[in-house]
């Protein structure tokens, strides 16, 4: 099972998820929970997180709050998607 921190705005249809790196969730490190907090409108922990930046920019002028929740994902039930090359 993998732990994923979801960030969403209930007034919108988008949601982003970040893998939680620490098993007990105690560390807000760059690249996981810290990115989730930044995406939700909190402190910027990782200056290189384009996903968190993009999600946050979508809602910077929105008064609605974003929410975070950690969920467990059963990776054995996940479907793999093959990457397709775009033609020039």
PDB file of N, CA and C in Angstrom:
ATOM      1  N   UNK A   1       0.840  -1.181   0.000  1.00  0.00           N
ATOM      2  CA  UNK A   1       0.000   0.000   0.000  1.00  0.00           C
ATOM      3  C   UNK A   1       0.885   1.244   0.000  1.00  0.00           C
ATOM      4  N   UNK A   2       0.500   2.186  -0.808  1.00  0.00           N
ATOM      5  CA  UNK A   2       1.205   3.463  -0.846  1.00  0.00           C
ATOM      6  C   UNK A   2       0.304   4.520  -0.226  1.00  0.00           C
ATOM      7  N   UNK A   3       0.914   5.475   0.451  1.00  0.00           N
ATOM      8  CA  UNK A   3       0.147   6.589   0.998  1.00  0.00           C
ATOM      9  C   UNK A   3       0.291   7.769   0.051  1.00  0.00           C
ATOM     10  N   UNK A   4      -0.839   8.382  -0.265  1.00  0.00           N
ATOM     11  CA  UNK A   4      -0.880   9.515  -1.175  1.00  0.00           C
ATOM     12  C   UNK A   4      -1.595  10.656  -0.462  1.00  0.00           C
ATOM     13  N   UNK A   5      -1.003  11.845  -0.525  1.00  0.00           N
ATOM     14  CA  UNK A   5      -1.638  13.029   0.040  1.00  0.00           C
ATOM     15  C   UNK A   5      -2.376  13.725  -1.095  1.00  0.00           C
ATOM     16  N   UNK A   6      -3.699  13.794  -0.985  1.00  0.00           N
ATOM     17  CA  UNK A   6      -4.519  14.456  -1.992  1.00  0.00           C
ATOM     18  C   UNK A   6      -4.774  15.896  -1.583  1.00  0.00           C
ATOM     19  N   UNK A   7      -4.793  16.777  -2.580  1.00  0.00           N
ATOM     20  CA  UNK A   7      -5.134  18.183  -2.376  1.00  0.00           C
ATOM     21  C   UNK A   7      -6.260  18.497  -3.349  1.00  0.00           C
ATOM     22  N   UNK A   8      -7.344  19.085  -2.842  1.00  0.00           N
ATOM     23  CA  UNK A   8      -8.442  19.416  -3.732  1.00  0.00           C
ATOM     24  C   UNK A   8      -9.188  20.639  -3.232  1.00  0.00           C
ATOM     25  N   UNK A   9      -9.925  21.233  -4.156  1.00  0.00           N
ATOM     26  CA  UNK A   9     -10.811  22.341  -3.856  1.00  0.00           C
ATOM     27  C   UNK A   9     -12.224  21.833  -4.128  1.00  0.00           C
ATOM     28  N   UNK A  10     -13.089  21.769  -3.125  1.00  0.00           N
ATOM     29  CA  UNK A  10     -14.411  21.193  -3.318  1.00  0.00           C
ATOM     30  C   UNK A  10     -15.290  21.962  -4.303  1.00  0.00           C
ATOM     31  N   UNK A  11     -14.921  23.199  -4.617  1.00  0.00           N
ATOM     32  CA  UNK A  11     -15.698  23.987  -5.568  1.00  0.00           C
ATOM     33  C   UNK A  11     -15.277  23.736  -7.014  1.00  0.00           C
ATOM     34  N   UNK A  12     -14.215  22.970  -7.202  1.00  0.00           N
ATOM     35  CA  UNK A  12     -13.672  22.715  -8.543  1.00  0.00           C
ATOM     36  C   UNK A  12     -13.629  21.222  -8.810  1.00  0.00           C
ATOM     37  N   UNK A  13     -13.139  20.850  -9.987  1.00  0.00           N
ATOM     38  CA  UNK A  13     -13.103  19.430 -10.352  1.00  0.00           C
ATOM     39  C   UNK A  13     -11.708  18.832 -10.306  1.00  0.00           C
ATOM     40  N   UNK A  14     -10.689  19.645 -10.059  1.00  0.00           N
ATOM     41  CA  UNK A  14      -9.323  19.149 -10.078  1.00  0.00           C
ATOM     42  C   UNK A  14      -8.872  18.664  -8.704  1.00  0.00           C
ATOM     43  N   UNK A  15      -7.910  17.740  -8.759  1.00  0.00           N
ATOM     44  CA  UNK A  15      -7.307  17.189  -7.549  1.00  0.00           C
ATOM     45  C   UNK A  15      -5.885  16.780  -7.917  1.00  0.00           C
ATOM     46  N   UNK A  16      -4.934  16.967  -7.023  1.00  0.00           N
ATOM     47  CA  UNK A  16      -3.572  16.489  -7.253  1.00  0.00           C
ATOM     48  C   UNK A  16      -3.169  15.599  -6.086  1.00  0.00           C
ATOM     49  N   UNK A  17      -2.262  14.669  -6.360  1.00  0.00           N
ATOM     50  CA  UNK A  17      -1.798  13.759  -5.326  1.00  0.00           C
ATOM     51  C   UNK A  17      -0.289  13.684  -5.293  1.00  0.00           C
ATOM     52  N   UNK A  18       0.258  13.539  -4.099  1.00  0.00           N
ATOM     53  CA  UNK A  18       1.695  13.444  -3.896  1.00  0.00           C
ATOM     54  C   UNK A  18       1.975  12.238  -3.012  1.00  0.00           C
ATOM     55  N   UNK A  19       2.946  11.418  -3.406  1.00  0.00           N
ATOM     56  CA  UNK A  19       3.308  10.262  -2.591  1.00  0.00           C
ATOM     57  C   UNK A  19       3.899  10.710  -1.267  1.00  0.00           C
ATOM     58  N   UNK A  20       3.495  10.054  -0.203  1.00  0.00           N
ATOM     59  CA  UNK A  20       4.042  10.344   1.116  1.00  0.00           C
ATOM     60  C   UNK A  20       5.293   9.499   1.296  1.00  0.00           C
ATOM     61  N   UNK A  21       6.421  10.143   1.561  1.00  0.00           N
ATOM     62  CA  UNK A  21       7.696   9.424   1.629  1.00  0.00           C
ATOM     63  C   UNK A  21       7.960   8.785   2.976  1.00  0.00           C
ATOM     64  N   UNK A  22       7.519   9.400   4.050  1.00  0.00           N
ATOM     65  CA  UNK A  22       7.766   8.858   5.385  1.00  0.00           C
ATOM     66  C   UNK A  22       6.613   7.947   5.770  1.00  0.00           C
ATOM     67  N   UNK A  23       6.899   6.727   6.228  1.00  0.00           N
ATOM     68  CA  UNK A  23       5.829   5.787   6.561  1.00  0.00           C
ATOM     69  C   UNK A  23       4.840   6.297   7.601  1.00  0.00           C
ATOM     70  N   UNK A  24       5.315   7.096   8.561  1.00  0.00           N
ATOM     71  CA  UNK A  24       4.408   7.586   9.599  1.00  0.00           C
ATOM     72  C   UNK A  24       3.876   8.981   9.303  1.00  0.00           C
ATOM     73  N   UNK A  25       4.285   9.543   8.181  1.00  0.00           N
ATOM     74  CA  UNK A  25       3.793  10.861   7.804  1.00  0.00           C
ATOM     75  C   UNK A  25       4.320  11.993   8.658  1.00  0.00           C
ATOM     76  N   UNK A  26       5.427  11.771   9.384  1.00  0.00           N
ATOM     77  CA  UNK A  26       5.916  12.782  10.316  1.00  0.00           C
ATOM     78  C   UNK A  26       6.832  13.813   9.664  1.00  0.00           C
ATOM     79  N   UNK A  27       7.306  13.552   8.477  1.00  0.00           N
ATOM     80  CA  UNK A  27       8.259  14.457   7.840  1.00  0.00           C
ATOM     81  C   UNK A  27       7.641  15.136   6.633  1.00  0.00           C
ATOM     82  N   UNK A  28       7.662  16.447   6.651  1.00  0.00           N
ATOM     83  CA  UNK A  28       7.183  17.202   5.487  1.00  0.00           C
ATOM     84  C   UNK A  28       8.397  17.509   4.624  1.00  0.00           C
ATOM     85  N   UNK A  29       8.818  16.523   3.850  1.00  0.00           N
ATOM     86  CA  UNK A  29      10.027  16.702   3.056  1.00  0.00           C
ATOM     87  C   UNK A  29       9.690  17.249   1.678  1.00  0.00           C
ATOM     88  N   UNK A  30      10.703  17.758   1.016  1.00  0.00           N
ATOM     89  CA  UNK A  30      10.518  18.245  -0.344  1.00  0.00           C
ATOM     90  C   UNK A  30      10.151  17.070  -1.237  1.00  0.00           C
ATOM     91  N   UNK A  31       9.173  17.270  -2.078  1.00  0.00           N
ATOM     92  CA  UNK A  31       8.799  16.235  -3.021  1.00  0.00           C
ATOM     93  C   UNK A  31       7.645  15.369  -2.583  1.00  0.00           C
ATOM     94  N   UNK A  32       7.062  15.625  -1.433  1.00  0.00           N
ATOM     95  CA  UNK A  32       5.921  14.809  -1.016  1.00  0.00           C
ATOM     96  C   UNK A  32       4.928  15.678  -0.258  1.00  0.00           C
ATOM     97  N   UNK A  33       4.883  15.526   1.058  1.00  0.00           N
ATOM     98  CA  UNK A  33       3.922  16.279   1.855  1.00  0.00           C
ATOM     99  C   UNK A  33       4.140  17.786   1.753  1.00  0.00           C
ATOM    100  N   UNK A  34       5.386  18.200   1.651  1.00  0.00           N
ATOM    101  CA  UNK A  34       5.671  19.627   1.513  1.00  0.00           C
ATOM    102  C   UNK A  34       5.075  20.196   0.246  1.00  0.00           C
ATOM    103  N   UNK A  35       5.131  19.433  -0.840  1.00  0.00           N
ATOM    104  CA  UNK A  35       4.505  19.868  -2.089  1.00  0.00           C
ATOM    105  C   UNK A  35       2.993  19.951  -1.930  1.00  0.00           C
ATOM    106  N   UNK A  36       2.414  19.004  -1.214  1.00  0.00           N
ATOM    107  CA  UNK A  36       0.968  19.010  -0.999  1.00  0.00           C
ATOM    108  C   UNK A  36       0.555  20.255  -0.222  1.00  0.00           C
ATOM    109  N   UNK A  37       1.303  20.576   0.817  1.00  0.00           N
ATOM    110  CA  UNK A  37       0.986  21.768   1.607  1.00  0.00           C
ATOM    111  C   UNK A  37       1.087  23.020   0.744  1.00  0.00           C
ATOM    112  N   UNK A  38       2.116  23.103  -0.093  1.00  0.00           N
ATOM    113  CA  UNK A  38       2.286  24.254  -0.981  1.00  0.00           C
ATOM    114  C   UNK A  38       1.133  24.343  -1.981  1.00  0.00           C
ATOM    115  N   UNK A  39       0.748  23.214  -2.569  1.00  0.00           N
ATOM    116  CA  UNK A  39      -0.348  23.201  -3.543  1.00  0.00           C
ATOM    117  C   UNK A  39      -1.649  23.679  -2.908  1.00  0.00           C
ATOM    118  N   UNK A  40      -1.834  23.366  -1.624  1.00  0.00           N
ATOM    119  CA  UNK A  40      -3.066  23.743  -0.926  1.00  0.00           C
ATOM    120  C   UNK A  40      -3.075  25.206  -0.494  1.00  0.00           C
ATOM    121  N   UNK A  41      -1.952  25.898  -0.658  1.00  0.00           N
ATOM    122  CA  UNK A  41      -1.885  27.311  -0.300  1.00  0.00           C
ATOM    123  C   UNK A  41      -0.976  27.608   0.870  1.00  0.00           C
ATOM    124  N   UNK A  42      -0.307  26.595   1.389  1.00  0.00           N
ATOM    125  CA  UNK A  42       0.586  26.778   2.534  1.00  0.00           C
ATOM    126  C   UNK A  42       1.986  27.189   2.118  1.00  0.00           C
ATOM    127  N   UNK A  43       2.920  27.012   3.042  1.00  0.00           N
ATOM    128  CA  UNK A  43       4.307  27.395   2.822  1.00  0.00           C
ATOM    129  C   UNK A  43       4.922  26.635   1.653  1.00  0.00           C
ATOM    130  N   UNK A  44       5.790  27.327   0.924  1.00  0.00           N
ATOM    131  CA  UNK A  44       6.486  26.711  -0.200  1.00  0.00           C
ATOM    132  C   UNK A  44       7.717  25.987   0.326  1.00  0.00           C
ATOM    133  N   UNK A  45       7.715  24.654   0.222  1.00  0.00           N
ATOM    134  CA  UNK A  45       8.819  23.841   0.709  1.00  0.00           C
ATOM    135  C   UNK A  45       9.784  23.460  -0.400  1.00  0.00           C
ATOM    136  N   UNK A  46       9.300  23.317  -1.602  1.00  0.00           N
ATOM    137  CA  UNK A  46      10.116  22.818  -2.709  1.00  0.00           C
ATOM    138  C   UNK A  46      10.028  23.793  -3.875  1.00  0.00           C
ATOM    139  N   UNK A  47      11.079  24.574  -4.127  1.00  0.00           N
ATOM    140  CA  UNK A  47      11.021  25.567  -5.200  1.00  0.00           C
ATOM    141  C   UNK A  47      10.967  24.969  -6.601  1.00  0.00           C
ATOM    142  N   UNK A  48      11.132  23.662  -6.718  1.00  0.00           N
ATOM    143  CA  UNK A  48      11.142  23.033  -8.041  1.00  0.00           C
ATOM    144  C   UNK A  48       9.884  22.213  -8.322  1.00  0.00           C
ATOM    145  N   UNK A  49       8.840  22.374  -7.536  1.00  0.00           N
ATOM    146  CA  UNK A  49       7.631  21.573  -7.732  1.00  0.00           C
ATOM    147  C   UNK A  49       6.676  22.266  -8.690  1.00  0.00           C
ATOM    148  N   UNK A  50       6.764  21.925  -9.956  1.00  0.00           N
ATOM    149  CA  UNK A  50       5.896  22.552 -10.947  1.00  0.00           C
ATOM    150  C   UNK A  50       4.451  22.107 -10.798  1.00  0.00           C
ATOM    151  N   UNK A  51       4.215  20.875 -10.339  1.00  0.00           N
ATOM    152  CA  UNK A  51       2.844  20.408 -10.137  1.00  0.00           C
ATOM    153  C   UNK A  51       2.170  21.198  -9.016  1.00  0.00           C
ATOM    154  N   UNK A  52       2.857  21.370  -7.910  1.00  0.00           N
ATOM    155  CA  UNK A  52       2.299  22.152  -6.798  1.00  0.00           C
ATOM    156  C   UNK A  52       2.098  23.600  -7.217  1.00  0.00           C
ATOM    157  N   UNK A  53       3.069  24.176  -7.923  1.00  0.00           N
ATOM    158  CA  UNK A  53       2.947  25.556  -8.396  1.00  0.00           C
ATOM    159  C   UNK A  53       1.741  25.719  -9.312  1.00  0.00           C
ATOM    160  N   UNK A  54       1.586  24.792 -10.241  1.00  0.00           N
ATOM    161  CA  UNK A  54       0.493  24.871 -11.207  1.00  0.00           C
ATOM    162  C   UNK A  54      -0.865  24.792 -10.514  1.00  0.00           C
ATOM    163  N   UNK A  55      -1.021  23.844  -9.596  1.00  0.00           N
ATOM    164  CA  UNK A  55      -2.295  23.705  -8.893  1.00  0.00           C
ATOM    165  C   UNK A  55      -2.585  24.953  -8.064  1.00  0.00           C
ATOM    166  N   UNK A  56      -1.573  25.448  -7.379  1.00  0.00           N
ATOM    167  CA  UNK A  56      -1.760  26.637  -6.539  1.00  0.00           C
ATOM    168  C   UNK A  56      -2.132  27.844  -7.389  1.00  0.00           C
ATOM    169  N   UNK A  57      -1.490  28.012  -8.545  1.00  0.00           N
ATOM    170  CA  UNK A  57      -1.785  29.145  -9.418  1.00  0.00           C
ATOM    171  C   UNK A  57      -3.231  29.121  -9.903  1.00  0.00           C
ATOM    172  N   UNK A  58      -3.778  27.929 -10.073  1.00  0.00           N
ATOM    173  CA  UNK A  58      -5.173  27.818 -10.509  1.00  0.00           C
ATOM    174  C   UNK A  58      -6.133  28.400  -9.477  1.00  0.00           C
ATOM    175  N   UNK A  59      -5.732  28.397  -8.207  1.00  0.00           N
ATOM    176  CA  UNK A  59      -6.630  28.799  -7.132  1.00  0.00           C
ATOM    177  C   UNK A  59      -6.144  29.994  -6.327  1.00  0.00           C
ATOM    178  N   UNK A  60      -5.130  30.714  -6.806  1.00  0.00           N
ATOM    179  CA  UNK A  60      -4.606  31.812  -5.998  1.00  0.00           C
ATOM    180  C   UNK A  60      -5.600  32.963  -5.847  1.00  0.00           C
ATOM    181  N   UNK A  61      -6.519  33.123  -6.785  1.00  0.00           N
ATOM    182  CA  UNK A  61      -7.515  34.185  -6.694  1.00  0.00           C
ATOM    183  C   UNK A  61      -8.861  33.678  -6.196  1.00  0.00           C
ATOM    184  N   UNK A  62      -8.890  32.445  -5.724  1.00  0.00           N
ATOM    185  CA  UNK A  62     -10.135  31.830  -5.267  1.00  0.00           C
ATOM    186  C   UNK A  62     -10.205  31.925  -3.744  1.00  0.00           C
ATOM    187  N   UNK A  63     -11.348  32.339  -3.238  1.00  0.00           N
ATOM    188  CA  UNK A  63     -11.521  32.459  -1.787  1.00  0.00           C
ATOM    189  C   UNK A  63     -11.752  31.109  -1.117  1.00  0.00           C
ATOM    190  N   UNK A  64     -12.162  30.124  -1.903  1.00  0.00           N
ATOM    191  CA  UNK A  64     -12.442  28.801  -1.340  1.00  0.00           C
ATOM    192  C   UNK A  64     -11.166  28.161  -0.816  1.00  0.00           C
ATOM    193  N   UNK A  65     -11.289  27.424   0.263  1.00  0.00           N
ATOM    194  CA  UNK A  65     -10.149  26.710   0.831  1.00  0.00           C
ATOM    195  C   UNK A  65      -9.868  25.433   0.056  1.00  0.00           C
ATOM    196  N   UNK A  66      -8.612  25.050   0.047  1.00  0.00           N
ATOM    197  CA  UNK A  66      -8.230  23.738  -0.463  1.00  0.00           C
ATOM    198  C   UNK A  66      -8.079  22.812   0.741  1.00  0.00           C
ATOM    199  N   UNK A  67      -8.275  21.535   0.508  1.00  0.00           N
ATOM    200  CA  UNK A  67      -8.196  20.545   1.571  1.00  0.00           C
ATOM    201  C   UNK A  67      -7.146  19.504   1.249  1.00  0.00           C
ATOM    202  N   UNK A  68      -6.604  18.880   2.292  1.00  0.00           N
ATOM    203  CA  UNK A  68      -5.619  17.808   2.139  1.00  0.00           C
ATOM    204  C   UNK A  68      -6.089  16.603   2.934  1.00  0.00           C
ATOM    205  N   UNK A  69      -5.823  15.418   2.379  1.00  0.00           N
ATOM    206  CA  UNK A  69      -6.140  14.188   3.094  1.00  0.00           C
ATOM    207  C   UNK A  69      -5.186  13.107   2.622  1.00  0.00           C
ATOM    208  N   UNK A  70      -4.685  12.306   3.550  1.00  0.00           N
ATOM    209  CA  UNK A  70      -3.824  11.183   3.201  1.00  0.00           C
ATOM    210  C   UNK A  70      -4.690   9.940   3.055  1.00  0.00           C
ATOM    211  N   UNK A  71      -4.521   9.251   1.934  1.00  0.00           N
ATOM    212  CA  UNK A  71      -5.256   8.014   1.690  1.00  0.00           C
ATOM    213  C   UNK A  71      -4.259   6.908   1.389  1.00  0.00           C
ATOM    214  N   UNK A  72      -4.688   5.672   1.536  1.00  0.00           N
ATOM    215  CA  UNK A  72      -3.856   4.534   1.167  1.00  0.00           C
ATOM    216  C   UNK A  72      -4.346   3.991  -0.165  1.00  0.00           C
ATOM    217  N   UNK A  73      -3.406   3.725  -1.045  1.00  0.00           N
ATOM    218  CA  UNK A  73      -3.716   3.231  -2.382  1.00  0.00           C
ATOM    219  C   UNK A  73      -3.123   1.837  -2.529  1.00  0.00           C
ATOM    220  N   UNK A  74      -3.943   0.902  -2.938  1.00  0.00           N
ATOM    221  CA  UNK A  74      -3.487  -0.466  -3.182  1.00  0.00           C
ATOM    222  C   UNK A  74      -2.916  -0.521  -4.595  1.00  0.00           C
ATOM    223  N   UNK A  75      -1.598  -0.491  -4.693  1.00  0.00           N
ATOM    224  CA  UNK A  75      -0.945  -0.440  -6.001  1.00  0.00           C
ATOM    225  C   UNK A  75      -1.192  -1.692  -6.828  1.00  0.00           C
ATOM    226  N   UNK A  76      -1.540  -2.804  -6.188  1.00  0.00           N
ATOM    227  CA  UNK A  76      -1.805  -4.028  -6.948  1.00  0.00           C
ATOM    228  C   UNK A  76      -3.105  -3.922  -7.742  1.00  0.00           C
ATOM    229  N   UNK A  77      -3.947  -2.959  -7.407  1.00  0.00           N
ATOM    230  CA  UNK A  77      -5.199  -2.755  -8.136  1.00  0.00           C
ATOM    231  C   UNK A  77      -5.091  -1.671  -9.203  1.00  0.00           C
ATOM    232  N   UNK A  78      -3.933  -1.045  -9.301  1.00  0.00           N
ATOM    233  CA  UNK A  78      -3.743   0.052 -10.253  1.00  0.00           C
ATOM    234  C   UNK A  78      -3.543  -0.473 -11.671  1.00  0.00           C
ATOM    235  N   UNK A  79      -3.993   0.311 -12.635  1.00  0.00           N
ATOM    236  CA  UNK A  79      -3.801  -0.017 -14.046  1.00  0.00           C
ATOM    237  C   UNK A  79      -2.622   0.780 -14.588  1.00  0.00           C
ATOM    238  N   UNK A  80      -1.695   0.093 -15.225  1.00  0.00           N
ATOM    239  CA  UNK A  80      -0.552   0.771 -15.847  1.00  0.00           C
ATOM    240  C   UNK A  80      -0.997   1.380 -17.176  1.00  0.00           C
ATOM    241  N   UNK A  81      -0.460   2.532 -17.486  1.00  0.00           N
ATOM    242  CA  UNK A  81      -0.759   3.205 -18.746  1.00  0.00           C
ATOM    243  C   UNK A  81       0.546   3.382 -19.490  1.00  0.00           C
ATOM    244  N   UNK A  82       0.594   2.869 -20.712  1.00  0.00           N
ATOM    245  CA  UNK A  82       1.807   3.020 -21.516  1.00  0.00           C
ATOM    246  C   UNK A  82       1.892   4.436 -22.057  1.00  0.00           C
ATOM    247  N   UNK A  83       3.092   4.962 -22.013  1.00  0.00           N
ATOM    248  CA  UNK A  83       3.316   6.305 -22.538  1.00  0.00           C
ATOM    249  C   UNK A  83       3.336   6.254 -24.059  1.00  0.00           C
ATOM    250  N   UNK A  84       2.600   7.151 -24.676  1.00  0.00           N
ATOM    251  CA  UNK A  84       2.592   7.231 -26.132  1.00  0.00           C
ATOM    252  C   UNK A  84       3.374   8.454 -26.558  1.00  0.00           C
ATOM    253  N   UNK A  85       4.182   8.269 -27.568  1.00  0.00           N
ATOM    254  CA  UNK A  85       4.975   9.373 -28.102  1.00  0.00           C
ATOM    255  C   UNK A  85       4.100  10.239 -29.001  1.00  0.00           C
ATOM    256  N   UNK A  86       4.209  11.542 -28.813  1.00  0.00           N
ATOM    257  CA  UNK A  86       3.474  12.458 -29.679  1.00  0.00           C
ATOM    258  C   UNK A  86       4.268  12.664 -30.954  1.00  0.00           C
ATOM    259  N   UNK A  87       3.547  12.726 -32.054  1.00  0.00           N
ATOM    260  CA  UNK A  87       4.211  12.945 -33.337  1.00  0.00           C
ATOM    261  C   UNK A  87       4.366  14.433 -33.577  1.00  0.00           C
ATOM    262  N   UNK A  88       5.509  14.806 -34.149  1.00  0.00           N
ATOM    263  CA  UNK A  88       5.779  16.229 -34.422  1.00  0.00           C
ATOM    264  C   UNK A  88       5.019  16.721 -35.611  1.00  0.00           C
TER     265      UNK A  88
END
